[in-house]
């Protein structure tokens, strides 16, 4: 999961589910799912607009800032934060 965290920057090469995609240096992508929740996933899942990934927001929002996140283990992780985009 460590590779799926870090600094994400706007990736102008992709636009998924009618929204922006942000990518980190390890090619993990932060994007909004069709239900409005945010997810961090690998490239192949992001391209499909898939609703699966290694980290996901619990709530839906227009931006990923200040959301609560969960890992695949389904536990809330208060250490995961999006502070700016």
Protein backbone atom coordinates (compact mmCIF):
# COMPACT_ATOMS: atom_id res chain seq x y z
CA UNK A 1 0.00 0.00 0.00
CA UNK A 2 2.96 2.32 0.51
CA UNK A 3 3.36 2.70 -3.26
CA UNK A 4 -0.24 3.90 -3.45
CA UNK A 5 0.39 6.92 -1.23
CA UNK A 6 2.47 10.05 -1.61
CA UNK A 7 2.09 13.17 -3.67
CA UNK A 8 -0.44 13.00 -6.50
CA UNK A 9 -0.41 15.55 -9.29
CA UNK A 10 -2.94 16.29 -12.00
CA UNK A 11 -2.52 13.89 -14.91
CA UNK A 12 -3.71 15.69 -18.02
CA UNK A 13 -3.53 12.48 -20.08
CA UNK A 14 -6.61 10.97 -18.42
CA UNK A 15 -10.18 11.99 -17.69
CA UNK A 16 -12.21 9.25 -15.98
CA UNK A 17 -15.89 9.17 -14.96
CA UNK A 18 -16.22 12.82 -16.02
CA UNK A 19 -13.46 13.92 -13.68
CA UNK A 20 -9.80 14.65 -13.25
CA UNK A 21 -7.19 12.00 -12.51
CA UNK A 22 -4.22 12.55 -10.20
CA UNK A 23 -1.16 10.28 -10.43
CA UNK A 24 1.75 9.61 -8.04
CA UNK A 25 5.34 8.71 -8.92
CA UNK A 26 4.52 4.98 -8.68
CA UNK A 27 1.74 5.21 -11.28
CA UNK A 28 -1.14 4.86 -8.86
CA UNK A 29 -4.10 7.04 -9.73
CA UNK A 30 -6.59 8.96 -7.61
CA UNK A 31 -9.93 9.43 -9.36
CA UNK A 32 -13.64 9.70 -8.67
CA UNK A 33 -15.88 6.69 -9.14
CA UNK A 34 -19.32 6.91 -10.74
CA UNK A 35 -20.92 6.98 -7.27
CA UNK A 36 -18.92 10.09 -6.30
CA UNK A 37 -16.52 8.29 -3.98
CA UNK A 38 -12.79 8.54 -4.63
CA UNK A 39 -10.39 5.65 -5.15
CA UNK A 40 -6.68 5.00 -5.59
CA UNK A 41 -5.99 2.28 -8.14
CA UNK A 42 -3.49 0.92 -10.63
CA UNK A 43 -3.40 2.13 -14.22
CA UNK A 44 -5.36 -0.77 -15.74
CA UNK A 45 -8.26 -0.27 -13.30
CA UNK A 46 -8.21 3.51 -13.69
CA UNK A 47 -8.42 3.28 -17.49
CA UNK A 48 -11.55 1.11 -17.13
CA UNK A 49 -12.99 3.53 -14.56
CA UNK A 50 -13.20 0.55 -12.22
CA UNK A 51 -14.62 0.84 -8.73
CA UNK A 52 -11.88 -1.25 -7.19
CA UNK A 53 -8.53 -0.23 -5.85
CA UNK A 54 -6.33 -0.40 -2.78
CA UNK A 55 -7.61 2.72 -1.00
CA UNK A 56 -11.08 4.27 -1.22
CA UNK A 57 -12.97 7.16 0.33
CA UNK A 58 -15.86 6.31 2.60
CA UNK A 59 -17.97 9.26 1.46
CA UNK A 60 -18.71 10.92 -1.85
CA UNK A 61 -17.61 14.48 -2.64
CA UNK A 62 -16.70 16.80 -5.49
CA UNK A 63 -13.05 16.75 -4.37
CA UNK A 64 -11.03 14.24 -2.32
CA UNK A 65 -10.07 16.86 0.28
CA UNK A 66 -10.94 16.08 3.92
CA UNK A 67 -12.58 12.71 3.23
CA UNK A 68 -12.23 9.63 5.42
CA UNK A 69 -10.38 6.77 3.72
CA UNK A 70 -10.31 3.00 4.07
CA UNK A 71 -7.85 0.37 2.94
CA UNK A 72 -8.71 -3.03 1.46
CA UNK A 73 -8.91 -4.35 5.01
CA UNK A 74 -12.03 -2.20 5.38
CA UNK A 75 -10.56 -0.24 8.28
CA UNK A 76 -10.70 3.53 8.51
CA UNK A 77 -7.25 5.03 8.29
CA UNK A 78 -6.97 8.47 9.85
CA UNK A 79 -3.37 8.74 8.59
CA UNK A 80 -4.55 8.94 4.97
CA UNK A 81 -5.39 12.49 3.96
CA UNK A 82 -5.74 14.61 0.86
CA UNK A 83 -4.76 18.11 1.89
CA UNK A 84 -4.82 19.99 -1.40
CA UNK A 85 -5.29 19.51 -5.13
